[in-house]
C-alpha atoms as a PDB file:
ATOM      1  CA  MET A   1     -14.099 -20.067   5.259  1.00  0.00           C
ATOM      2  CA  LYS A   2     -14.850 -16.558   4.045  1.00  0.00           C
ATOM      3  CA  TYR A   3     -12.271 -14.125   2.720  1.00  0.00           C
ATOM      4  CA  ALA A   4     -12.950 -10.416   2.227  1.00  0.00           C
ATOM      5  CA  VAL A   5     -11.060  -9.107  -0.807  1.00  0.00           C
ATOM      6  CA  LEU A   6     -10.378  -5.351  -0.799  1.00  0.00           C
ATOM      7  CA  SER A   7      -8.676  -3.275  -3.476  1.00  0.00           C
ATOM      8  CA  ASP A   8      -7.874   0.352  -4.214  1.00  0.00           C
ATOM      9  CA  ILE A   9      -8.862   1.815  -0.855  1.00  0.00           C
ATOM     10  CA  HIS A  10      -6.888   4.940  -1.735  1.00  0.00           C
ATOM     11  CA  ALA A  11      -6.910   6.516   1.722  1.00  0.00           C
ATOM     12  CA  ASN A  12     -10.726   6.746   1.814  1.00  0.00           C
ATOM     13  CA  LEU A  13     -11.445   6.100   5.475  1.00  0.00           C
ATOM     14  CA  GLU A  14     -15.226   6.523   5.254  1.00  0.00           C
ATOM     15  CA  ALA A  15     -15.509   3.923   2.505  1.00  0.00           C
ATOM     16  CA  LEU A  16     -13.117   1.542   4.268  1.00  0.00           C
ATOM     17  CA  GLU A  17     -14.951   1.705   7.593  1.00  0.00           C
ATOM     18  CA  THR A  18     -18.261   1.088   5.815  1.00  0.00           C
ATOM     19  CA  VAL A  19     -16.786  -2.000   4.155  1.00  0.00           C
ATOM     20  CA  LEU A  20     -15.300  -3.283   7.420  1.00  0.00           C
ATOM     21  CA  GLN A  21     -18.622  -2.800   9.197  1.00  0.00           C
ATOM     22  CA  LYS A  22     -20.245  -5.014   6.555  1.00  0.00           C
ATOM     23  CA  CYS A  23     -17.474  -7.575   7.015  1.00  0.00           C
ATOM     24  CA  ALA A  24     -18.197  -7.616  10.748  1.00  0.00           C
ATOM     25  CA  GLU A  25     -21.874  -8.237  10.028  1.00  0.00           C
ATOM     26  CA  LEU A  26     -20.856 -11.139   7.784  1.00  0.00           C
ATOM     27  CA  GLN A  27     -18.524 -12.426  10.530  1.00  0.00           C
ATOM     28  CA  ILE A  28     -15.480 -12.307   8.267  1.00  0.00           C
ATOM     29  CA  THR A  29     -12.095 -12.452   9.968  1.00  0.00           C
ATOM     30  CA  GLU A  30      -9.789 -13.260   7.014  1.00  0.00           C
ATOM     31  CA  PHE A  31      -8.775 -10.419   4.708  1.00  0.00           C
ATOM     32  CA  ILE A  32      -6.921  -9.961   1.427  1.00  0.00           C
ATOM     33  CA  SER A  33      -5.599  -6.602   0.202  1.00  0.00           C
ATOM     34  CA  LEU A  34      -4.986  -6.146  -3.530  1.00  0.00           C
ATOM     35  CA  GLY A  35      -3.016  -2.937  -3.103  1.00  0.00           C
ATOM     36  CA  ASP A  36      -3.251   0.827  -3.393  1.00  0.00           C
ATOM     37  CA  ILE A  37      -4.128   1.340   0.231  1.00  0.00           C
ATOM     38  CA  VAL A  38      -2.949   4.944  -0.145  1.00  0.00           C
ATOM     39  CA  GLY A  39      -3.194   7.740  -2.710  1.00  0.00           C
ATOM     40  CA  TYR A  40      -5.820  10.292  -3.849  1.00  0.00           C
ATOM     41  CA  ASN A  41      -7.777  10.685  -0.591  1.00  0.00           C
ATOM     42  CA  ALA A  42      -7.041  12.313   2.757  1.00  0.00           C
ATOM     43  CA  ASN A  43      -6.577   9.504   5.314  1.00  0.00           C
ATOM     44  CA  PRO A  44      -3.556   7.436   4.214  1.00  0.00           C
ATOM     45  CA  LYS A  45      -2.166   6.878   7.713  1.00  0.00           C
ATOM     46  CA  GLU A  46      -5.511   5.911   9.191  1.00  0.00           C
ATOM     47  CA  CYS A  47      -6.320   3.498   6.350  1.00  0.00           C
ATOM     48  CA  LEU A  48      -2.886   1.922   6.492  1.00  0.00           C
ATOM     49  CA  ASP A  49      -3.140   1.433  10.256  1.00  0.00           C
ATOM     50  CA  ARG A  50      -6.613  -0.046   9.864  1.00  0.00           C
ATOM     51  CA  ILE A  51      -5.498  -2.534   7.216  1.00  0.00           C
ATOM     52  CA  ARG A  52      -2.463  -3.532   9.264  1.00  0.00           C
ATOM     53  CA  SER A  53      -4.708  -4.231  12.263  1.00  0.00           C
ATOM     54  CA  LEU A  54      -6.659  -6.879  10.338  1.00  0.00           C
ATOM     55  CA  HIS A  55      -5.781 -10.553   9.916  1.00  0.00           C
ATOM     56  CA  MET A  56      -4.354 -10.298   6.406  1.00  0.00           C
ATOM     57  CA  VAL A  57      -3.773 -13.674   4.742  1.00  0.00           C
ATOM     58  CA  ALA A  58      -2.352 -11.882   1.701  1.00  0.00           C
ATOM     59  CA  SER A  59      -1.418  -8.310   0.829  1.00  0.00           C
ATOM     60  CA  VAL A  60       0.198  -7.107  -2.392  1.00  0.00           C
ATOM     61  CA  LYS A  61       1.623  -3.811  -3.552  1.00  0.00           C
ATOM     62  CA  GLY A  62      -0.174  -1.345  -5.805  1.00  0.00           C
ATOM     63  CA  ASN A  63       1.437   1.336  -7.935  1.00  0.00           C
ATOM     64  CA  HIS A  64       0.509   4.129  -5.501  1.00  0.00           C
ATOM     65  CA  ASP A  65       1.922   2.073  -2.633  1.00  0.00           C
ATOM     66  CA  GLU A  66       5.100   1.673  -4.718  1.00  0.00           C
ATOM     67  CA  TYR A  67       5.568   5.364  -5.432  1.00  0.00           C
ATOM     68  CA  VAL A  68       4.713   6.430  -1.892  1.00  0.00           C
ATOM     69  CA  SER A  69       7.315   4.022  -0.528  1.00  0.00           C
ATOM     70  CA  ASN A  70      10.214   4.870  -2.880  1.00  0.00           C
ATOM     71  CA  ASN A  71      12.166   8.044  -3.712  1.00  0.00           C
ATOM     72  CA  ASP A  72      10.899   8.497  -7.264  1.00  0.00           C
ATOM     73  CA  GLU A  73       9.352  11.967  -7.446  1.00  0.00           C
ATOM     74  CA  VAL A  74       9.034  12.029 -11.254  1.00  0.00           C
ATOM     75  CA  MET A  75       6.493   9.170 -11.427  1.00  0.00           C
ATOM     76  CA  GLU A  76       6.529   8.762 -15.171  1.00  0.00           C
ATOM     77  CA  GLY A  77       3.086   7.836 -16.424  1.00  0.00           C
ATOM     78  CA  PHE A  78       1.219   9.394 -13.491  1.00  0.00           C
ATOM     79  CA  ASN A  79      -1.124  12.292 -14.177  1.00  0.00           C
ATOM     80  CA  PRO A  80      -0.559  15.527 -12.191  1.00  0.00           C
ATOM     81  CA  HIS A  81      -3.404  14.798  -9.758  1.00  0.00           C
ATOM     82  CA  ALA A  82      -2.051  11.351  -8.902  1.00  0.00           C
ATOM     83  CA  ARG A  83       1.499  12.685  -8.570  1.00  0.00           C
ATOM     84  CA  ALA A  84       0.442  15.547  -6.282  1.00  0.00           C
ATOM     85  CA  SER A  85      -1.481  13.077  -4.121  1.00  0.00           C
ATOM     86  CA  VAL A  86       1.519  10.760  -3.786  1.00  0.00           C
ATOM     87  CA  LEU A  87       3.851  13.620  -2.831  1.00  0.00           C
ATOM     88  CA  TRP A  88       1.384  14.785  -0.151  1.00  0.00           C
ATOM     89  CA  THR A  89       0.864  11.227   1.093  1.00  0.00           C
ATOM     90  CA  LYS A  90       4.600  10.789   1.630  1.00  0.00           C
ATOM     91  CA  THR A  91       4.474  13.617   4.173  1.00  0.00           C
ATOM     92  CA  GLN A  92       1.718  11.850   6.129  1.00  0.00           C
ATOM     93  CA  LEU A  93       3.457   8.487   6.629  1.00  0.00           C
ATOM     94  CA  SER A  94       6.343   7.499   8.862  1.00  0.00           C
ATOM     95  CA  ALA A  95       9.515   5.876   7.605  1.00  0.00           C
ATOM     96  CA  GLU A  96       8.231   2.609   9.091  1.00  0.00           C
ATOM     97  CA  ASP A  97       4.918   2.948   7.236  1.00  0.00           C
ATOM     98  CA  ARG A  98       6.735   3.456   3.960  1.00  0.00           C
ATOM     99  CA  ALA A  99       9.067   0.541   4.646  1.00  0.00           C
ATOM    100  CA  TRP A 100       6.056  -1.714   5.253  1.00  0.00           C
ATOM    101  CA  LEU A 101       4.560  -0.702   1.903  1.00  0.00           C
ATOM    102  CA  ALA A 102       7.912  -1.153   0.163  1.00  0.00           C
ATOM    103  CA  ALA A 103       8.198  -4.726   1.452  1.00  0.00           C
ATOM    104  CA  LEU A 104       4.862  -5.878   0.029  1.00  0.00           C
ATOM    105  CA  PRO A 105       5.141  -8.489  -2.743  1.00  0.00           C
ATOM    106  CA  MET A 106       3.882  -7.833  -6.255  1.00  0.00           C
ATOM    107  CA  ARG A 107       1.892 -11.077  -6.380  1.00  0.00           C
ATOM    108  CA  GLN A 108       1.070 -13.769  -3.859  1.00  0.00           C
ATOM    109  CA  THR A 109      -0.581 -17.168  -3.626  1.00  0.00           C
ATOM    110  CA  VAL A 110      -2.585 -17.645  -0.454  1.00  0.00           C
ATOM    111  CA  ARG A 111      -1.184 -20.705   1.283  1.00  0.00           C
ATOM    112  CA  GLY A 112      -3.580 -23.645   1.481  1.00  0.00           C
ATOM    113  CA  THR A 113      -6.094 -22.103  -0.938  1.00  0.00           C
ATOM    114  CA  ASN A 114      -6.879 -21.906  -4.661  1.00  0.00           C
ATOM    115  CA  ILE A 115      -6.276 -18.118  -4.641  1.00  0.00           C
ATOM    116  CA  THR A 116      -3.597 -15.973  -6.279  1.00  0.00           C
ATOM    117  CA  VAL A 117      -3.659 -12.190  -5.853  1.00  0.00           C
ATOM    118  CA  VAL A 118      -2.054  -9.317  -7.739  1.00  0.00           C
ATOM    119  CA  HIS A 119      -2.713  -5.610  -8.062  1.00  0.00           C
ATOM    120  CA  ALA A 120      -2.362  -5.343 -11.832  1.00  0.00           C
ATOM    121  CA  THR A 121      -1.435  -8.448 -13.890  1.00  0.00           C
ATOM    122  CA  LEU A 122       0.301 -11.729 -13.123  1.00  0.00           C
ATOM    123  CA  ASP A 123       2.318 -11.698 -16.359  1.00  0.00           C
ATOM    124  CA  SER A 124       4.041  -8.373 -15.614  1.00  0.00           C
ATOM    125  CA  PRO A 125       2.949  -7.104 -12.195  1.00  0.00           C
ATOM    126  CA  ASP A 126       5.581  -4.373 -11.962  1.00  0.00           C
ATOM    127  CA  THR A 127       4.612  -2.647 -15.224  1.00  0.00           C
ATOM    128  CA  TRP A 128       1.114  -1.851 -13.932  1.00  0.00           C
ATOM    129  CA  GLY A 129      -0.843  -2.966 -16.989  1.00  0.00           C
ATOM    130  CA  TYR A 130      -4.632  -3.021 -17.140  1.00  0.00           C
ATOM    131  CA  ILE A 131      -7.000  -5.855 -18.002  1.00  0.00           C
ATOM    132  CA  PHE A 132     -10.149  -4.743 -19.804  1.00  0.00           C
ATOM    133  CA  ASP A 133     -10.621  -7.462 -22.442  1.00  0.00           C
ATOM    134  CA  ALA A 134     -10.199 -11.177 -23.092  1.00  0.00           C
ATOM    135  CA  HIS A 135      -6.926 -10.620 -24.964  1.00  0.00           C
ATOM    136  CA  HIS A 136      -5.190  -9.162 -21.906  1.00  0.00           C
ATOM    137  CA  ALA A 137      -6.954 -11.661 -19.651  1.00  0.00           C
ATOM    138  CA  ALA A 138      -5.357 -14.454 -21.716  1.00  0.00           C
ATOM    139  CA  ASP A 139      -1.887 -13.131 -20.849  1.00  0.00           C
ATOM    140  CA  ASN A 140      -2.809 -13.270 -17.185  1.00  0.00           C
ATOM    141  CA  PHE A 141      -4.255 -16.799 -17.394  1.00  0.00           C
ATOM    142  CA  ALA A 142      -0.945 -18.005 -18.852  1.00  0.00           C
ATOM    143  CA  TYR A 143       0.610 -17.263 -15.441  1.00  0.00           C
ATOM    144  CA  GLN A 144      -2.386 -18.276 -13.303  1.00  0.00           C
ATOM    145  CA  PHE A 145      -2.004 -21.721 -11.744  1.00  0.00           C
ATOM    146  CA  THR A 146      -4.821 -21.457  -9.204  1.00  0.00           C
ATOM    147  CA  GLN A 147      -8.538 -21.538  -9.898  1.00  0.00           C
ATOM    148  CA  LEU A 148      -9.043 -17.958  -8.747  1.00  0.00           C
ATOM    149  CA  CYS A 149      -7.009 -14.825  -9.308  1.00  0.00           C
ATOM    150  CA  PHE A 150      -8.159 -11.575  -7.721  1.00  0.00           C
ATOM    151  CA  CYS A 151      -6.886  -8.266  -9.098  1.00  0.00           C
ATOM    152  CA  GLY A 152      -7.599  -4.546  -8.903  1.00  0.00           C
ATOM    153  CA  HIS A 153      -5.886  -1.472 -10.399  1.00  0.00           C
ATOM    154  CA  SER A 154      -8.533  -0.468 -12.968  1.00  0.00           C
ATOM    155  CA  HIS A 155     -11.129   0.370 -10.270  1.00  0.00           C
ATOM    156  CA  THR A 156     -13.628  -1.391 -12.532  1.00  0.00           C
ATOM    157  CA  PRO A 157     -15.282  -4.698 -11.584  1.00  0.00           C
ATOM    158  CA  LEU A 158     -14.760  -7.384 -14.228  1.00  0.00           C
ATOM    159  CA  VAL A 159     -14.697 -11.184 -14.370  1.00  0.00           C
ATOM    160  CA  PHE A 160     -13.170 -13.384 -17.048  1.00  0.00           C
ATOM    161  CA  CYS A 161     -13.452 -17.158 -16.962  1.00  0.00           C
ATOM    162  CA  LYS A 162     -11.340 -19.728 -18.783  1.00  0.00           C
ATOM    163  CA  LYS A 163     -13.218 -22.880 -19.683  1.00  0.00           C
ATOM    164  CA  PRO A 164     -11.854 -26.403 -19.330  1.00  0.00           C
ATOM    165  CA  VAL A 165     -10.102 -27.720 -22.445  1.00  0.00           C
ATOM    166  CA  SER A 166     -13.070 -29.973 -23.253  1.00  0.00           C
ATOM    167  CA  LEU A 167     -15.362 -26.921 -23.461  1.00  0.00           C
ATOM    168  CA  HIS A 168     -13.086 -24.515 -25.315  1.00  0.00           C
ATOM    169  CA  ALA A 169     -15.023 -24.352 -28.594  1.00  0.00           C
ATOM    170  CA  GLU A 170     -14.286 -20.974 -30.237  1.00  0.00           C
ATOM    171  CA  ASN A 171     -13.908 -18.797 -27.141  1.00  0.00           C
ATOM    172  CA  PRO A 172     -12.002 -20.402 -24.264  1.00  0.00           C
ATOM    173  CA  ILE A 173     -11.949 -17.088 -22.381  1.00  0.00           C
ATOM    174  CA  GLU A 174     -15.147 -15.138 -21.825  1.00  0.00           C
ATOM    175  CA  GLU A 175     -16.208 -12.139 -19.799  1.00  0.00           C
ATOM    176  CA  ILE A 176     -19.060 -12.617 -17.308  1.00  0.00           C
ATOM    177  CA  PRO A 177     -20.992  -9.331 -17.701  1.00  0.00           C
ATOM    178  CA  ASP A 178     -23.345  -9.875 -14.752  1.00  0.00           C
ATOM    179  CA  TRP A 179     -20.454  -9.152 -12.363  1.00  0.00           C
ATOM    180  CA  ALA A 180     -20.388  -5.489 -13.387  1.00  0.00           C
ATOM    181  CA  GLY A 181     -24.114  -5.102 -12.776  1.00  0.00           C
ATOM    182  CA  GLU A 182     -26.810  -3.975 -15.156  1.00  0.00           C
ATOM    183  CA  PRO A 183     -25.806  -0.619 -16.747  1.00  0.00           C
ATOM    184  CA  GLY A 184     -27.756   2.216 -15.173  1.00  0.00           C
ATOM    185  CA  SER A 185     -29.393  -0.037 -12.584  1.00  0.00           C
ATOM    186  CA  ALA A 186     -27.296   1.017  -9.561  1.00  0.00           C
ATOM    187  CA  VAL A 187     -29.100   2.966  -6.846  1.00  0.00           C
ATOM    188  CA  PRO A 188     -26.337   5.065  -5.214  1.00  0.00           C
ATOM    189  CA  GLY A 189     -28.064   5.289  -1.821  1.00  0.00           C
ATOM    190  CA  GLU A 190     -28.830   1.579  -1.540  1.00  0.00           C
ATOM    191  CA  PRO A 191     -26.531  -1.425  -0.977  1.00  0.00           C
ATOM    192  CA  SER A 192     -26.544  -4.307  -3.433  1.00  0.00           C
ATOM    193  CA  GLU A 193     -24.750  -7.580  -4.052  1.00  0.00           C
ATOM    194  CA  ILE A 194     -23.876  -9.735  -7.052  1.00  0.00           C
ATOM    195  CA  ARG A 195     -23.117 -13.436  -6.700  1.00  0.00           C
ATOM    196  CA  LEU A 196     -20.734 -15.454  -8.890  1.00  0.00           C
ATOM    197  CA  GLU A 197     -20.903 -19.240  -8.715  1.00  0.00           C
ATOM    198  CA  ILE A 198     -17.503 -20.930  -9.082  1.00  0.00           C
ATOM    199  CA  GLN A 199     -17.761 -23.870 -11.474  1.00  0.00           C
ATOM    200  CA  PRO A 200     -15.473 -26.924 -11.199  1.00  0.00           C
ATOM    201  CA  GLY A 201     -12.745 -26.972 -13.837  1.00  0.00           C
ATOM    202  CA  PHE A 202     -13.112 -23.287 -14.710  1.00  0.00           C
ATOM    203  CA  ARG A 203     -10.508 -20.669 -13.858  1.00  0.00           C
ATOM    204  CA  TYR A 204     -11.515 -17.124 -12.958  1.00  0.00           C
ATOM    205  CA  LEU A 205      -9.834 -13.722 -13.113  1.00  0.00           C
ATOM    206  CA  ILE A 206     -11.824 -11.422 -10.848  1.00  0.00           C
ATOM    207  CA  ASN A 207     -11.488  -7.662 -10.502  1.00  0.00           C
ATOM    208  CA  VAL A 208     -13.355  -6.736  -7.322  1.00  0.00           C
ATOM    209  CA  GLY A 209     -13.663  -3.020  -8.083  1.00  0.00           C
ATOM    210  CA  SER A 210     -12.526  -0.229  -5.783  1.00  0.00           C
ATOM    211  CA  VAL A 211     -13.313   0.490  -2.151  1.00  0.00           C
ATOM    212  CA  GLY A 212     -12.218   4.111  -2.205  1.00  0.00           C
ATOM    213  CA  GLN A 213     -12.418   5.451  -5.755  1.00  0.00           C
ATOM    214  CA  PRO A 214     -14.761   3.502  -8.075  1.00  0.00           C
ATOM    215  CA  ARG A 215     -14.531   4.271 -11.800  1.00  0.00           C
ATOM    216  CA  ASN A 216     -17.495   2.298 -13.151  1.00  0.00           C
ATOM    217  CA  ARG A 217     -20.038   5.127 -12.834  1.00  0.00           C
ATOM    218  CA  ASP A 218     -21.191   3.679  -9.517  1.00  0.00           C
ATOM    219  CA  PRO A 219     -19.929   5.771  -6.572  1.00  0.00           C
ATOM    220  CA  ARG A 220     -20.546   3.065  -3.962  1.00  0.00           C
ATOM    221  CA  ALA A 221     -17.652   1.254  -2.304  1.00  0.00           C
ATOM    222  CA  SER A 222     -17.058  -2.123  -3.968  1.00  0.00           C
ATOM    223  CA  PHE A 223     -15.425  -5.232  -2.524  1.00  0.00           C
ATOM    224  CA  ALA A 224     -15.863  -9.004  -2.675  1.00  0.00           C
ATOM    225  CA  VAL A 225     -16.217 -11.989  -0.376  1.00  0.00           C
ATOM    226  CA  TYR A 226     -15.072 -15.467  -1.376  1.00  0.00           C
ATOM    227  CA  ASP A 227     -16.937 -18.249   0.446  1.00  0.00           C
ATOM    228  CA  THR A 228     -15.022 -21.509   0.063  1.00  0.00           C
ATOM    229  CA  ASP A 229     -17.874 -23.586   1.497  1.00  0.00           C
ATOM    230  CA  GLU A 230     -20.539 -22.136  -0.794  1.00  0.00           C
ATOM    231  CA  LYS A 231     -18.047 -21.989  -3.701  1.00  0.00           C
ATOM    232  CA  CYS A 232     -19.103 -18.491  -4.647  1.00  0.00           C
ATOM    233  CA  VAL A 233     -17.759 -14.949  -4.765  1.00  0.00           C
ATOM    234  CA  THR A 234     -20.115 -12.113  -3.878  1.00  0.00           C
ATOM    235  CA  ARG A 235     -19.458  -8.483  -4.779  1.00  0.00           C
ATOM    236  CA  TYR A 236     -20.936  -5.940  -2.387  1.00  0.00           C
ATOM    237  CA  CYS A 237     -21.657  -2.315  -3.342  1.00  0.00           C
ATOM    238  CA  LEU A 238     -22.138  -0.048  -0.342  1.00  0.00           C
ATOM    239  CA  PRO A 239     -23.075   3.637  -0.021  1.00  0.00           C
ATOM    240  CA  TYR A 240     -20.899   5.661   2.340  1.00  0.00           C
ATOM    241  CA  ASP A 241     -20.466   9.298   3.411  1.00  0.00           C
ATOM    242  CA  ILE A 242     -18.953  10.700   0.224  1.00  0.00           C
ATOM    243  CA  ALA A 243     -19.475  14.307   1.334  1.00  0.00           C
ATOM    244  CA  GLN A 244     -17.275  13.738   4.396  1.00  0.00           C
ATOM    245  CA  THR A 245     -14.499  12.254   2.265  1.00  0.00           C
ATOM    246  CA  GLN A 246     -14.740  15.165  -0.166  1.00  0.00           C
ATOM    247  CA  SER A 247     -14.583  17.679   2.681  1.00  0.00           C
ATOM    248  CA  LYS A 248     -11.380  16.127   3.989  1.00  0.00           C
ATOM    249  CA  ILE A 249      -9.785  16.226   0.527  1.00  0.00           C
ATOM    250  CA  ARG A 250     -10.558  19.927   0.203  1.00  0.00           C
ATOM    251  CA  THR A 251      -9.385  20.715   3.729  1.00  0.00           C
ATOM    252  CA  VAL A 252      -5.894  19.351   3.070  1.00  0.00           C
ATOM    253  CA  LYS A 253      -5.894  20.953  -0.411  1.00  0.00           C
ATOM    254  CA  LEU A 254      -5.505  17.826  -2.477  1.00  0.00           C
ATOM    255  CA  PRO A 255      -6.593  18.260  -6.137  1.00  0.00           C
ATOM    256  CA  GLU A 256     -10.267  19.129  -6.524  1.00  0.00           C
ATOM    257  CA  ARG A 257     -10.571  16.399  -9.151  1.00  0.00           C
ATOM    258  CA  ASN A 258      -9.959  13.836  -6.392  1.00  0.00           C
ATOM    259  CA  ALA A 259     -13.068  15.055  -4.574  1.00  0.00           C
ATOM    260  CA  ALA A 260     -15.352  15.650  -7.546  1.00  0.00           C
ATOM    261  CA  ARG A 261     -14.923  12.223  -9.109  1.00  0.00           C
ATOM    262  CA  LEU A 262     -16.115  10.391  -5.982  1.00  0.00           C
ATOM    263  CA  ALA A 263     -19.697  11.595  -6.394  1.00  0.00           C
ATOM    264  CA  ILE A 264     -20.037  10.116  -9.883  1.00  0.00           C
ATOM    265  CA  GLY A 265     -17.779   7.081  -9.620  1.00  0.00           C
ATOM    266  CA  SER A 266     -15.441   8.073 -12.435  1.00  0.00           C
END
């Protein structure tokens, strides 16, 4: 079985359709959404409809999904660009769309699998914390009872593994740097893939990166595929029509920062 794991689409229809075309080529029919389907970009309704049309085995709520679906217009902790995008997005969705987002769980274990999913962190999913180091990964592992946990939120691809007790030595939790790719090696106009072998007895916390607004200095759409037969997770990085997405953002007068950052993956 293969599962496509998508996170932080952020209303970027061009990136999403590019990812789904690749999934079709890979003959993937099972999908997992790690949240933040909406926010920042100009096609929230279209992206939400597209996600809802797929066979989703799990779908969790992101912080933008949360704010779009509730009546909080202060959004403490959000920068002005994010807040303006949420307020605009609310005008683009129906009451039923917002109710669907509101009903999403904060974390979910995929029935019959070794997979748990969350947008931010398992230890406190509703406070929207970030995981960038082994210290914060340790907090997550304390609540992770499956071999794999997929997360998003930071828009930055990362993998931490927790070794079996017999192999703990000094560092039971380590980052796997290969998952992020070699710094400066990305070719924006070319697709690439990175493969992670899943070792027996190890647990993994995997950030798959962002489909619609990468922040790792690589503007390509990022997502992952978990192959249960091959016991591997592969991260795909795909170029898409960034100029079209930027044009749409400017047409609806969303913040210019939302458009500019797409070209540099920041």
